[in-house]
Amino acid sequence: MTALYLAVDGGNSKTDVVLGTAYGEVLGFVRGPTSSPHSIGLTGTIEVLRELIAAVRADAGMAAGRPIDLAAVYLAGADLPVEMRRLHAAISAQSWSTRTIVDNDCCALLRAGTSMPDAVAVVCGAGTNCLGRAADGRTARFVALGPISGDWGGGHDLAEHTLRLAARGEDGRGERTKLSRAVADHFGYATVEEVSIALHLGEVDLARVHELTPLLFQVAAGGDPVAGQLVHRQVAEILVQHRVAATRLDLLRSPHALVLGGGVLRARHPLLHDQVVAGALAQAPQVRISVLDAPPAVGAALLALDELGTAGRAEADLRVALTATEPGGQVEAAA
């Protein structure tokens, strides 16, 4: 009987689950909400995965008793060894598969983005993270626990700073900026002050603040210096992650891949993208830069096939099948 696998790519904003065969056939694919334990706790992670795995089995028309050989689970929030051990134990206890692999979702992005053994991935989606690997097996990671570990950036941070700059620009505490008018208009209010009060009183859902990331790039592209400075700060954060990871692995002056992923980077906003590319080449002249053009679930599935020993024969078909699942074709909207 052909071996089966489950592959999970769980980010800060969504979770993709693939059910496939060892020979590259995709039997089922489903998408659901975040499964990051940092956002919803370990119990919440298991509940989300349970629902999605039941759904993907149904999507595949698979009988309830059919065994699955491997679950390869890559999650945002699987950052510390102790977190990965806890996740591994909790997922293994569900008996969804005979074997279980658990690691950070950056691993899936890196596998989806390049076959080069020396590589760095930088993710800028709802949040931000970085992972580097060297051909000799060494890795470079950051603790990635949010502000308490020095993290900055991603769509949520950018959106919150956009609102802050718009408010300060309007009331005089900060530089005047076109963000103020744009933010007020976005929410349908006369002023940003009214927006802030509506958010405070619950008249506008606080989660809607995250809608402001695309607006930031629109205003910055129009030449607004305040918006432009915020985009430049994100550029600097992406570049420093690449530089530090590559330096730790002795790759900065050597050929290596830089894979850019996550909704903010995959949107290829020119003001962000062009500065990142120029900056990466300036600090690592031999780097080969790519923007992920397939869902990271491709990487999770390929890592499962690597474990099953069949990725070489199945990779091309798998990429075609799973890239077709992306909304809008290939490139997701900015988080």
C-alpha atoms as a PDB file:
ATOM      1  CA  MET A   1       0.000   0.000   0.000  1.00  0.00           C
ATOM      2  CA  THR A   2       1.325   3.455  -0.942  1.00  0.00           C
ATOM      3  CA  ALA A   3       2.550   5.480   2.039  1.00  0.00           C
ATOM      4  CA  LEU A   4       0.453   8.496   2.998  1.00  0.00           C
ATOM      5  CA  TYR A   5       1.455  11.719   4.713  1.00  0.00           C
ATOM      6  CA  LEU A   6      -0.129  14.742   6.325  1.00  0.00           C
ATOM      7  CA  ALA A   7       1.739  18.024   5.837  1.00  0.00           C
ATOM      8  CA  VAL A   8       0.819  21.072   7.913  1.00  0.00           C
ATOM      9  CA  ASP A   9       1.966  24.645   7.378  1.00  0.00           C
ATOM     10  CA  GLY A  10       0.570  26.685  10.258  1.00  0.00           C
ATOM     11  CA  GLY A  11       1.276  30.402  10.125  1.00  0.00           C
ATOM     12  CA  ASN A  12       0.165  33.374  12.202  1.00  0.00           C
ATOM     13  CA  SER A  13      -2.856  34.009   9.995  1.00  0.00           C
ATOM     14  CA  LYS A  14      -3.800  30.660   8.422  1.00  0.00           C
ATOM     15  CA  THR A  15      -3.119  26.916   8.431  1.00  0.00           C
ATOM     16  CA  ASP A  16      -2.850  24.717   5.342  1.00  0.00           C
ATOM     17  CA  VAL A  17      -3.115  20.925   5.582  1.00  0.00           C
ATOM     18  CA  VAL A  18      -2.209  18.566   2.757  1.00  0.00           C
ATOM     19  CA  LEU A  19      -2.971  14.856   2.542  1.00  0.00           C
ATOM     20  CA  GLY A  20      -0.930  13.088  -0.103  1.00  0.00           C
ATOM     21  CA  THR A  21       0.859   9.970  -1.242  1.00  0.00           C
ATOM     22  CA  ALA A  22       4.565   9.258  -1.212  1.00  0.00           C
ATOM     23  CA  TYR A  23       4.573   9.605  -5.016  1.00  0.00           C
ATOM     24  CA  GLY A  24       3.406  13.195  -5.159  1.00  0.00           C
ATOM     25  CA  GLU A  25      -0.340  12.822  -5.587  1.00  0.00           C
ATOM     26  CA  VAL A  26      -2.328  15.382  -3.572  1.00  0.00           C
ATOM     27  CA  LEU A  27      -5.439  13.663  -2.252  1.00  0.00           C
ATOM     28  CA  GLY A  28      -6.802  16.519  -0.164  1.00  0.00           C
ATOM     29  CA  PHE A  29      -6.116  20.153   0.746  1.00  0.00           C
ATOM     30  CA  VAL A  30      -7.844  22.397   3.291  1.00  0.00           C
ATOM     31  CA  ARG A  31      -7.169  25.841   4.749  1.00  0.00           C
ATOM     32  CA  GLY A  32      -8.189  27.106   8.175  1.00  0.00           C
ATOM     33  CA  PRO A  33      -7.322  29.689  10.830  1.00  0.00           C
ATOM     34  CA  THR A  34      -4.041  30.096  12.691  1.00  0.00           C
ATOM     35  CA  SER A  35      -2.744  27.113  14.632  1.00  0.00           C
ATOM     36  CA  SER A  36       0.114  28.967  16.324  1.00  0.00           C
ATOM     37  CA  PRO A  37       0.346  28.017  20.007  1.00  0.00           C
ATOM     38  CA  HIS A  38       1.624  31.529  20.739  1.00  0.00           C
ATOM     39  CA  SER A  39      -1.771  32.851  19.621  1.00  0.00           C
ATOM     40  CA  ILE A  40      -4.236  30.166  20.735  1.00  0.00           C
ATOM     41  CA  GLY A  41      -2.330  27.981  23.205  1.00  0.00           C
ATOM     42  CA  LEU A  42      -1.376  24.333  22.900  1.00  0.00           C
ATOM     43  CA  THR A  43      -4.950  23.126  23.456  1.00  0.00           C
ATOM     44  CA  GLY A  44      -6.207  25.515  20.790  1.00  0.00           C
ATOM     45  CA  THR A  45      -3.554  24.274  18.369  1.00  0.00           C
ATOM     46  CA  ILE A  46      -4.653  20.674  18.803  1.00  0.00           C
ATOM     47  CA  GLU A  47      -8.316  21.624  18.354  1.00  0.00           C
ATOM     48  CA  VAL A  48      -7.609  23.497  15.105  1.00  0.00           C
ATOM     49  CA  LEU A  49      -5.459  20.673  13.754  1.00  0.00           C
ATOM     50  CA  ARG A  50      -8.055  18.055  14.720  1.00  0.00           C
ATOM     51  CA  GLU A  51     -10.759  19.867  12.756  1.00  0.00           C
ATOM     52  CA  LEU A  52      -8.528  20.455   9.726  1.00  0.00           C
ATOM     53  CA  ILE A  53      -7.215  16.891   9.623  1.00  0.00           C
ATOM     54  CA  ALA A  54     -10.768  15.551   9.766  1.00  0.00           C
ATOM     55  CA  ALA A  55     -11.659  17.977   6.966  1.00  0.00           C
ATOM     56  CA  VAL A  56      -8.735  16.986   4.749  1.00  0.00           C
ATOM     57  CA  ARG A  57      -9.532  13.308   5.166  1.00  0.00           C
ATOM     58  CA  ALA A  58     -13.094  14.088   4.129  1.00  0.00           C
ATOM     59  CA  ASP A  59     -11.826  16.159   1.189  1.00  0.00           C
ATOM     60  CA  ALA A  60      -9.809  13.125   0.095  1.00  0.00           C
ATOM     61  CA  GLY A  61     -12.759  10.790   0.583  1.00  0.00           C
ATOM     62  CA  MET A  62     -10.632   8.671   2.874  1.00  0.00           C
ATOM     63  CA  ALA A  63     -12.127   5.981   5.075  1.00  0.00           C
ATOM     64  CA  ALA A  64     -11.841   6.661   8.794  1.00  0.00           C
ATOM     65  CA  GLY A  65      -9.718   3.571   9.439  1.00  0.00           C
ATOM     66  CA  ARG A  66      -7.107   4.203   6.726  1.00  0.00           C
ATOM     67  CA  PRO A  67      -3.730   4.726   8.469  1.00  0.00           C
ATOM     68  CA  ILE A  68      -1.407   7.642   7.673  1.00  0.00           C
ATOM     69  CA  ASP A  69       2.310   6.966   7.835  1.00  0.00           C
ATOM     70  CA  LEU A  70       3.698  10.418   8.623  1.00  0.00           C
ATOM     71  CA  ALA A  71       2.522  13.802   9.888  1.00  0.00           C
ATOM     72  CA  ALA A  72       4.985  16.616   9.121  1.00  0.00           C
ATOM     73  CA  VAL A  73       3.806  19.633  11.117  1.00  0.00           C
ATOM     74  CA  TYR A  74       5.463  23.056  10.759  1.00  0.00           C
ATOM     75  CA  LEU A  75       3.994  25.783  12.943  1.00  0.00           C
ATOM     76  CA  ALA A  76       4.551  29.420  13.784  1.00  0.00           C
ATOM     77  CA  GLY A  77       5.119  29.444  17.528  1.00  0.00           C
ATOM     78  CA  ALA A  78       7.263  26.309  17.482  1.00  0.00           C
ATOM     79  CA  ASP A  79      10.341  28.328  18.351  1.00  0.00           C
ATOM     80  CA  LEU A  80      11.988  26.833  21.436  1.00  0.00           C
ATOM     81  CA  PRO A  81      13.101  23.196  21.841  1.00  0.00           C
ATOM     82  CA  VAL A  82      10.752  22.836  24.809  1.00  0.00           C
ATOM     83  CA  GLU A  83       7.839  24.095  22.678  1.00  0.00           C
ATOM     84  CA  MET A  84       8.644  21.609  19.934  1.00  0.00           C
ATOM     85  CA  ARG A  85       8.829  18.765  22.454  1.00  0.00           C
ATOM     86  CA  ARG A  86       5.441  19.709  23.903  1.00  0.00           C
ATOM     87  CA  LEU A  87       3.887  20.032  20.473  1.00  0.00           C
ATOM     88  CA  HIS A  88       5.380  16.725  19.358  1.00  0.00           C
ATOM     89  CA  ALA A  89       4.021  14.950  22.421  1.00  0.00           C
ATOM     90  CA  ALA A  90       0.556  16.500  22.092  1.00  0.00           C
ATOM     91  CA  ILE A  91       0.276  15.816  18.355  1.00  0.00           C
ATOM     92  CA  SER A  92       1.649  12.275  18.627  1.00  0.00           C
ATOM     93  CA  ALA A  93      -0.925  11.544  21.346  1.00  0.00           C
ATOM     94  CA  GLN A  94      -3.745  12.160  18.839  1.00  0.00           C
ATOM     95  CA  SER A  95      -2.689   9.103  16.771  1.00  0.00           C
ATOM     96  CA  TRP A  96      -3.246  10.966  13.510  1.00  0.00           C
ATOM     97  CA  SER A  97      -0.239   9.155  12.028  1.00  0.00           C
ATOM     98  CA  THR A  98       2.316   6.474  12.744  1.00  0.00           C
ATOM     99  CA  ARG A  99       5.180   9.010  12.919  1.00  0.00           C
ATOM    100  CA  THR A 100       5.265  12.733  13.651  1.00  0.00           C
ATOM    101  CA  ILE A 101       7.725  15.519  12.834  1.00  0.00           C
ATOM    102  CA  VAL A 102       7.308  18.998  14.362  1.00  0.00           C
ATOM    103  CA  ASP A 103       9.302  22.156  13.625  1.00  0.00           C
ATOM    104  CA  ASN A 104       8.912  25.861  12.889  1.00  0.00           C
ATOM    105  CA  ASP A 105       7.000  26.999   9.805  1.00  0.00           C
ATOM    106  CA  CYS A 106      10.134  28.741   8.485  1.00  0.00           C
ATOM    107  CA  CYS A 107      11.458  25.249   7.671  1.00  0.00           C
ATOM    108  CA  ALA A 108       8.582  24.706   5.261  1.00  0.00           C
ATOM    109  CA  LEU A 109       9.073  28.104   3.640  1.00  0.00           C
ATOM    110  CA  LEU A 110      12.788  27.477   3.151  1.00  0.00           C
ATOM    111  CA  ARG A 111      12.178  24.029   1.615  1.00  0.00           C
ATOM    112  CA  ALA A 112       9.529  25.442  -0.706  1.00  0.00           C
ATOM    113  CA  GLY A 113      11.767  28.287  -1.814  1.00  0.00           C
ATOM    114  CA  THR A 114      15.094  26.691  -2.666  1.00  0.00           C
ATOM    115  CA  SER A 115      17.016  23.467  -3.073  1.00  0.00           C
ATOM    116  CA  MET A 116      20.346  25.166  -2.300  1.00  0.00           C
ATOM    117  CA  PRO A 117      21.910  23.638   0.833  1.00  0.00           C
ATOM    118  CA  ASP A 118      23.190  27.036   2.000  1.00  0.00           C
ATOM    119  CA  ALA A 119      20.175  29.278   2.456  1.00  0.00           C
ATOM    120  CA  VAL A 120      18.364  31.851   4.595  1.00  0.00           C
ATOM    121  CA  ALA A 121      14.619  32.437   4.707  1.00  0.00           C
ATOM    122  CA  VAL A 122      13.075  35.666   5.973  1.00  0.00           C
ATOM    123  CA  VAL A 123       9.334  35.693   6.596  1.00  0.00           C
ATOM    124  CA  CYS A 124       7.373  38.925   6.745  1.00  0.00           C
ATOM    125  CA  GLY A 125       3.676  38.188   6.929  1.00  0.00           C
ATOM    126  CA  ALA A 126       1.465  38.882   9.913  1.00  0.00           C
ATOM    127  CA  GLY A 127       4.696  38.692  11.910  1.00  0.00           C
ATOM    128  CA  THR A 128       8.328  38.164  11.056  1.00  0.00           C
ATOM    129  CA  ASN A 129      10.938  35.450  11.523  1.00  0.00           C
ATOM    130  CA  CYS A 130      14.134  34.095   9.989  1.00  0.00           C
ATOM    131  CA  LEU A 131      15.836  30.719   9.581  1.00  0.00           C
ATOM    132  CA  GLY A 132      19.187  29.880   8.046  1.00  0.00           C
ATOM    133  CA  ARG A 133      20.752  26.533   7.191  1.00  0.00           C
ATOM    134  CA  ALA A 134      24.177  25.477   5.988  1.00  0.00           C
ATOM    135  CA  ALA A 135      25.197  22.480   3.931  1.00  0.00           C
ATOM    136  CA  ASP A 136      26.972  20.982   6.952  1.00  0.00           C
ATOM    137  CA  GLY A 137      23.722  20.846   8.925  1.00  0.00           C
ATOM    138  CA  ARG A 138      24.168  23.957  11.068  1.00  0.00           C
ATOM    139  CA  THR A 139      21.161  26.234  11.518  1.00  0.00           C
ATOM    140  CA  ALA A 140      20.696  29.832  12.591  1.00  0.00           C
ATOM    141  CA  ARG A 141      17.490  30.792  14.383  1.00  0.00           C
ATOM    142  CA  PHE A 142      16.130  33.604  16.507  1.00  0.00           C
ATOM    143  CA  VAL A 143      14.143  33.090  19.700  1.00  0.00           C
ATOM    144  CA  ALA A 144      11.182  34.804  17.975  1.00  0.00           C
ATOM    145  CA  LEU A 145       8.968  35.400  21.011  1.00  0.00           C
ATOM    146  CA  GLY A 146       7.729  38.806  19.925  1.00  0.00           C
ATOM    147  CA  PRO A 147       8.693  42.129  21.555  1.00  0.00           C
ATOM    148  CA  ILE A 148      10.087  40.364  24.647  1.00  0.00           C
ATOM    149  CA  SER A 149      12.835  38.856  22.466  1.00  0.00           C
ATOM    150  CA  GLY A 150      13.433  42.017  20.432  1.00  0.00           C
ATOM    151  CA  ASP A 151      11.276  41.142  17.424  1.00  0.00           C
ATOM    152  CA  TRP A 152       9.806  43.880  15.269  1.00  0.00           C
ATOM    153  CA  GLY A 153       7.901  43.980  12.019  1.00  0.00           C
ATOM    154  CA  GLY A 154       5.351  42.146   9.960  1.00  0.00           C
ATOM    155  CA  GLY A 155       1.911  43.226   8.857  1.00  0.00           C
ATOM    156  CA  HIS A 156       0.448  43.553  12.337  1.00  0.00           C
ATOM    157  CA  ASP A 157       3.274  45.762  13.609  1.00  0.00           C
ATOM    158  CA  LEU A 158       3.173  47.888  10.471  1.00  0.00           C
ATOM    159  CA  ALA A 159      -0.577  48.372  10.775  1.00  0.00           C
ATOM    160  CA  GLU A 160      -0.406  49.382  14.427  1.00  0.00           C
ATOM    161  CA  HIS A 161       2.399  51.845  13.728  1.00  0.00           C
ATOM    162  CA  THR A 162       0.418  53.238  10.797  1.00  0.00           C
ATOM    163  CA  LEU A 163      -2.492  54.055  13.112  1.00  0.00           C
ATOM    164  CA  ARG A 164      -0.138  55.551  15.706  1.00  0.00           C
ATOM    165  CA  LEU A 165       1.630  57.770  13.168  1.00  0.00           C
ATOM    166  CA  ALA A 166      -1.702  58.847  11.687  1.00  0.00           C
ATOM    167  CA  ALA A 167      -3.018  59.879  15.126  1.00  0.00           C
ATOM    168  CA  ARG A 168       0.143  61.749  16.066  1.00  0.00           C
ATOM    169  CA  GLY A 169       0.341  63.444  12.691  1.00  0.00           C
ATOM    170  CA  GLU A 170      -3.213  64.687  13.092  1.00  0.00           C
ATOM    171  CA  ASP A 171      -2.940  66.060  16.645  1.00  0.00           C
ATOM    172  CA  GLY A 172       0.505  67.638  16.270  1.00  0.00           C
ATOM    173  CA  ARG A 173       2.602  65.279  18.390  1.00  0.00           C
ATOM    174  CA  GLY A 174       4.192  63.897  15.227  1.00  0.00           C
ATOM    175  CA  GLU A 175       4.983  64.962  11.679  1.00  0.00           C
ATOM    176  CA  ARG A 176       2.073  65.777   9.426  1.00  0.00           C
ATOM    177  CA  THR A 177       1.357  62.824   7.144  1.00  0.00           C
ATOM    178  CA  LYS A 178      -1.148  61.753   4.522  1.00  0.00           C
ATOM    179  CA  LEU A 179      -1.660  58.639   6.631  1.00  0.00           C
ATOM    180  CA  SER A 180      -4.012  60.676   8.827  1.00  0.00           C
ATOM    181  CA  ARG A 181      -6.515  61.370   6.061  1.00  0.00           C
ATOM    182  CA  ALA A 182      -6.120  57.869   4.612  1.00  0.00           C
ATOM    183  CA  VAL A 183      -6.767  56.125   7.947  1.00  0.00           C
ATOM    184  CA  ALA A 184      -9.821  58.248   8.746  1.00  0.00           C
ATOM    185  CA  ASP A 185     -11.248  57.628   5.276  1.00  0.00           C
ATOM    186  CA  HIS A 186     -10.574  53.908   5.502  1.00  0.00           C
ATOM    187  CA  PHE A 187     -12.799  53.561   8.549  1.00  0.00           C
ATOM    188  CA  GLY A 188     -15.366  56.082   7.369  1.00  0.00           C
ATOM    189  CA  TYR A 189     -14.732  58.745  10.034  1.00  0.00           C
ATOM    190  CA  ALA A 190     -13.911  62.442   9.766  1.00  0.00           C
ATOM    191  CA  THR A 191     -10.733  62.234  11.874  1.00  0.00           C
ATOM    192  CA  VAL A 192      -8.279  59.680  13.243  1.00  0.00           C
ATOM    193  CA  GLU A 193      -9.295  60.822  16.721  1.00  0.00           C
ATOM    194  CA  GLU A 194     -12.799  59.564  15.986  1.00  0.00           C
ATOM    195  CA  VAL A 195     -11.332  56.275  14.765  1.00  0.00           C
ATOM    196  CA  SER A 196      -9.324  55.885  17.976  1.00  0.00           C
ATOM    197  CA  ILE A 197     -12.393  56.537  20.132  1.00  0.00           C
ATOM    198  CA  ALA A 198     -14.486  54.079  18.093  1.00  0.00           C
ATOM    199  CA  LEU A 199     -11.816  51.405  18.532  1.00  0.00           C
ATOM    200  CA  HIS A 200     -11.637  52.125  22.265  1.00  0.00           C
ATOM    201  CA  LEU A 201     -15.415  51.888  22.709  1.00  0.00           C
ATOM    202  CA  GLY A 202     -15.694  48.729  20.637  1.00  0.00           C
ATOM    203  CA  GLU A 203     -17.668  50.411  17.870  1.00  0.00           C
ATOM    204  CA  VAL A 204     -14.946  49.274  15.477  1.00  0.00           C
ATOM    205  CA  ASP A 205     -13.357  45.846  15.967  1.00  0.00           C
ATOM    206  CA  LEU A 206      -9.715  46.208  17.023  1.00  0.00           C
ATOM    207  CA  ALA A 207      -8.806  43.404  14.616  1.00  0.00           C
ATOM    208  CA  ARG A 208      -9.640  45.783  11.763  1.00  0.00           C
ATOM    209  CA  VAL A 209      -6.512  47.790  12.544  1.00  0.00           C
ATOM    210  CA  HIS A 210      -4.614  45.082  10.652  1.00  0.00           C
ATOM    211  CA  GLU A 211      -6.361  46.237   7.468  1.00  0.00           C
ATOM    212  CA  LEU A 212      -4.046  49.235   7.429  1.00  0.00           C
ATOM    213  CA  THR A 213      -0.911  47.495   6.127  1.00  0.00           C
ATOM    214  CA  PRO A 214      -1.784  47.792   2.407  1.00  0.00           C
ATOM    215  CA  LEU A 215      -2.834  51.395   3.022  1.00  0.00           C
ATOM    216  CA  LEU A 216       0.621  52.144   4.450  1.00  0.00           C
ATOM    217  CA  PHE A 217       2.279  50.977   1.236  1.00  0.00           C
ATOM    218  CA  GLN A 218      -0.150  52.962  -0.901  1.00  0.00           C
ATOM    219  CA  VAL A 219       0.589  56.182   0.966  1.00  0.00           C
ATOM    220  CA  ALA A 220       4.334  55.497   1.015  1.00  0.00           C
ATOM    221  CA  ALA A 221       4.319  54.884  -2.744  1.00  0.00           C
ATOM    222  CA  GLY A 222       2.786  58.346  -3.145  1.00  0.00           C
ATOM    223  CA  GLY A 223       5.880  59.892  -1.592  1.00  0.00           C
ATOM    224  CA  ASP A 224       4.703  60.552   1.957  1.00  0.00           C
ATOM    225  CA  PRO A 225       7.926  60.746   4.028  1.00  0.00           C
ATOM    226  CA  VAL A 226       6.394  59.485   7.280  1.00  0.00           C
ATOM    227  CA  ALA A 227       4.956  56.391   5.611  1.00  0.00           C
ATOM    228  CA  GLY A 228       8.202  55.943   3.707  1.00  0.00           C
ATOM    229  CA  GLN A 229      10.235  55.963   6.923  1.00  0.00           C
ATOM    230  CA  LEU A 230       8.068  53.194   8.365  1.00  0.00           C
ATOM    231  CA  VAL A 231       8.551  51.057   5.254  1.00  0.00           C
ATOM    232  CA  HIS A 232      12.296  51.708   5.452  1.00  0.00           C
ATOM    233  CA  ARG A 233      12.302  50.490   9.057  1.00  0.00           C
ATOM    234  CA  GLN A 234      10.760  47.227   7.876  1.00  0.00           C
ATOM    235  CA  VAL A 235      13.398  46.964   5.154  1.00  0.00           C
ATOM    236  CA  ALA A 236      16.144  47.399   7.745  1.00  0.00           C
ATOM    237  CA  GLU A 237      14.653  44.656   9.935  1.00  0.00           C
ATOM    238  CA  ILE A 238      14.472  42.189   7.041  1.00  0.00           C
ATOM    239  CA  LEU A 239      18.054  42.942   6.062  1.00  0.00           C
ATOM    240  CA  VAL A 240      19.441  42.621   9.584  1.00  0.00           C
ATOM    241  CA  GLN A 241      17.788  39.224   9.994  1.00  0.00           C
ATOM    242  CA  HIS A 242      19.410  38.025   6.779  1.00  0.00           C
ATOM    243  CA  ARG A 243      22.775  39.507   7.697  1.00  0.00           C
ATOM    244  CA  VAL A 244      22.904  38.025  11.199  1.00  0.00           C
ATOM    245  CA  ALA A 245      21.736  34.564  10.104  1.00  0.00           C
ATOM    246  CA  ALA A 246      24.164  34.471   7.175  1.00  0.00           C
ATOM    247  CA  THR A 247      27.031  35.698   9.368  1.00  0.00           C
ATOM    248  CA  ARG A 248      26.387  33.009  11.987  1.00  0.00           C
ATOM    249  CA  LEU A 249      26.627  30.379   9.256  1.00  0.00           C
ATOM    250  CA  ASP A 250      29.684  31.936   7.547  1.00  0.00           C
ATOM    251  CA  LEU A 251      27.648  32.537   4.391  1.00  0.00           C
ATOM    252  CA  LEU A 252      27.678  36.313   4.049  1.00  0.00           C
ATOM    253  CA  ARG A 253      30.549  36.313   1.523  1.00  0.00           C
ATOM    254  CA  SER A 254      29.625  32.975  -0.081  1.00  0.00           C
ATOM    255  CA  PRO A 255      26.955  31.907  -2.579  1.00  0.00           C
ATOM    256  CA  HIS A 256      23.680  31.199  -0.799  1.00  0.00           C
ATOM    257  CA  ALA A 257      19.958  31.595  -1.305  1.00  0.00           C
ATOM    258  CA  LEU A 258      17.769  34.208   0.323  1.00  0.00           C
ATOM    259  CA  VAL A 259      14.102  33.204   0.202  1.00  0.00           C
ATOM    260  CA  LEU A 260      11.598  35.966   0.943  1.00  0.00           C
ATOM    261  CA  GLY A 261       8.177  34.813   2.119  1.00  0.00           C
ATOM    262  CA  GLY A 262       5.061  35.858   3.972  1.00  0.00           C
ATOM    263  CA  GLY A 263       2.258  38.024   2.638  1.00  0.00           C
ATOM    264  CA  VAL A 264       4.019  41.375   3.000  1.00  0.00           C
ATOM    265  CA  LEU A 265       7.095  40.265   1.057  1.00  0.00           C
ATOM    266  CA  ARG A 266       5.205  38.169  -1.458  1.00  0.00           C
ATOM    267  CA  ALA A 267       3.101  41.199  -2.396  1.00  0.00           C
ATOM    268  CA  ARG A 268       6.290  42.733  -3.861  1.00  0.00           C
ATOM    269  CA  HIS A 269       5.437  46.313  -2.921  1.00  0.00           C
ATOM    270  CA  PRO A 270       8.092  48.112  -5.009  1.00  0.00           C
ATOM    271  CA  LEU A 271       9.211  50.465  -2.236  1.00  0.00           C
ATOM    272  CA  LEU A 272       9.857  47.500   0.068  1.00  0.00           C
ATOM    273  CA  HIS A 273      10.965  44.905  -2.457  1.00  0.00           C
ATOM    274  CA  ASP A 274      13.474  47.055  -4.322  1.00  0.00           C
ATOM    275  CA  GLN A 275      15.176  48.236  -1.122  1.00  0.00           C
ATOM    276  CA  VAL A 276      15.366  44.688   0.251  1.00  0.00           C
ATOM    277  CA  VAL A 277      16.925  43.335  -2.944  1.00  0.00           C
ATOM    278  CA  ALA A 278      19.449  46.185  -3.185  1.00  0.00           C
ATOM    279  CA  GLY A 279      20.324  45.932   0.495  1.00  0.00           C
ATOM    280  CA  ALA A 280      20.741  42.166   0.451  1.00  0.00           C
ATOM    281  CA  LEU A 281      23.068  42.338  -2.552  1.00  0.00           C
ATOM    282  CA  ALA A 282      25.072  45.107  -0.894  1.00  0.00           C
ATOM    283  CA  GLN A 283      25.690  43.057   2.251  1.00  0.00           C
ATOM    284  CA  ALA A 284      26.020  39.669   0.514  1.00  0.00           C
ATOM    285  CA  PRO A 285      27.161  40.157  -3.096  1.00  0.00           C
ATOM    286  CA  GLN A 286      26.843  36.460  -4.022  1.00  0.00           C
ATOM    287  CA  VAL A 287      23.353  35.958  -2.619  1.00  0.00           C
ATOM    288  CA  ARG A 288      20.628  34.564  -4.895  1.00  0.00           C
ATOM    289  CA  ILE A 289      17.314  36.206  -3.991  1.00  0.00           C
ATOM    290  CA  SER A 290      13.883  34.762  -4.686  1.00  0.00           C
ATOM    291  CA  VAL A 291      10.362  35.549  -3.564  1.00  0.00           C
ATOM    292  CA  LEU A 292       8.377  32.441  -2.744  1.00  0.00           C
ATOM    293  CA  ASP A 293       6.005  31.745  -5.637  1.00  0.00           C
ATOM    294  CA  ALA A 294       4.260  28.730  -4.116  1.00  0.00           C
ATOM    295  CA  PRO A 295       2.371  28.205  -0.863  1.00  0.00           C
ATOM    296  CA  PRO A 296       4.649  27.215   2.034  1.00  0.00           C
ATOM    297  CA  ALA A 297       2.527  24.051   2.287  1.00  0.00           C
ATOM    298  CA  VAL A 298       4.603  22.892  -0.694  1.00  0.00           C
ATOM    299  CA  GLY A 299       7.634  22.963   1.612  1.00  0.00           C
ATOM    300  CA  ALA A 300       5.833  21.067   4.369  1.00  0.00           C
ATOM    301  CA  ALA A 301       4.806  18.405   1.867  1.00  0.00           C
ATOM    302  CA  LEU A 302       8.311  18.180   0.390  1.00  0.00           C
ATOM    303  CA  LEU A 303       9.801  17.779   3.860  1.00  0.00           C
ATOM    304  CA  ALA A 304       7.374  14.891   4.389  1.00  0.00           C
ATOM    305  CA  LEU A 305       8.453  13.354   1.086  1.00  0.00           C
ATOM    306  CA  ASP A 306      12.107  13.869   2.035  1.00  0.00           C
ATOM    307  CA  GLU A 307      11.420  11.817   5.137  1.00  0.00           C
ATOM    308  CA  LEU A 308       9.675   9.152   3.043  1.00  0.00           C
ATOM    309  CA  GLY A 309      12.564   9.179   0.556  1.00  0.00           C
ATOM    310  CA  THR A 310      10.507  10.049  -2.540  1.00  0.00           C
ATOM    311  CA  ALA A 311      10.805  13.823  -2.981  1.00  0.00           C
ATOM    312  CA  GLY A 312      13.108  13.587  -5.993  1.00  0.00           C
ATOM    313  CA  ARG A 313      10.509  11.788  -8.093  1.00  0.00           C
ATOM    314  CA  ALA A 314       7.479  13.685  -6.852  1.00  0.00           C
ATOM    315  CA  GLU A 315       8.537  17.324  -6.409  1.00  0.00           C
ATOM    316  CA  ALA A 316       7.518  18.765  -9.776  1.00  0.00           C
ATOM    317  CA  ASP A 317       4.001  17.310  -9.722  1.00  0.00           C
ATOM    318  CA  LEU A 318       3.525  18.315  -6.101  1.00  0.00           C
ATOM    319  CA  ARG A 319       4.496  21.937  -6.774  1.00  0.00           C
ATOM    320  CA  VAL A 320       2.043  22.202  -9.653  1.00  0.00           C
ATOM    321  CA  ALA A 321      -0.806  20.679  -7.659  1.00  0.00           C
ATOM    322  CA  LEU A 322      -0.354  22.800  -4.544  1.00  0.00           C
ATOM    323  CA  THR A 323       0.489  26.093  -6.243  1.00  0.00           C
ATOM    324  CA  ALA A 324      -2.939  25.845  -7.891  1.00  0.00           C
ATOM    325  CA  THR A 325      -4.496  26.039  -4.402  1.00  0.00           C
ATOM    326  CA  GLU A 326      -3.236  29.589  -3.791  1.00  0.00           C
ATOM    327  CA  PRO A 327      -5.923  32.299  -3.955  1.00  0.00           C
ATOM    328  CA  GLY A 328      -5.392  34.459  -7.020  1.00  0.00           C
ATOM    329  CA  GLY A 329      -3.048  31.953  -8.643  1.00  0.00           C
ATOM    330  CA  GLN A 330       0.313  32.206  -6.920  1.00  0.00           C
ATOM    331  CA  VAL A 331       0.826  35.282  -4.775  1.00  0.00           C
ATOM    332  CA  GLU A 332      -1.177  35.909  -1.632  1.00  0.00           C
ATOM    333  CA  ALA A 333      -2.298  39.374  -0.561  1.00  0.00           C
ATOM    334  CA  ALA A 334      -0.332  41.299   2.049  1.00  0.00           C
ATOM    335  CA  ALA A 335      -1.229  40.472   5.641  1.00  0.00           C
END
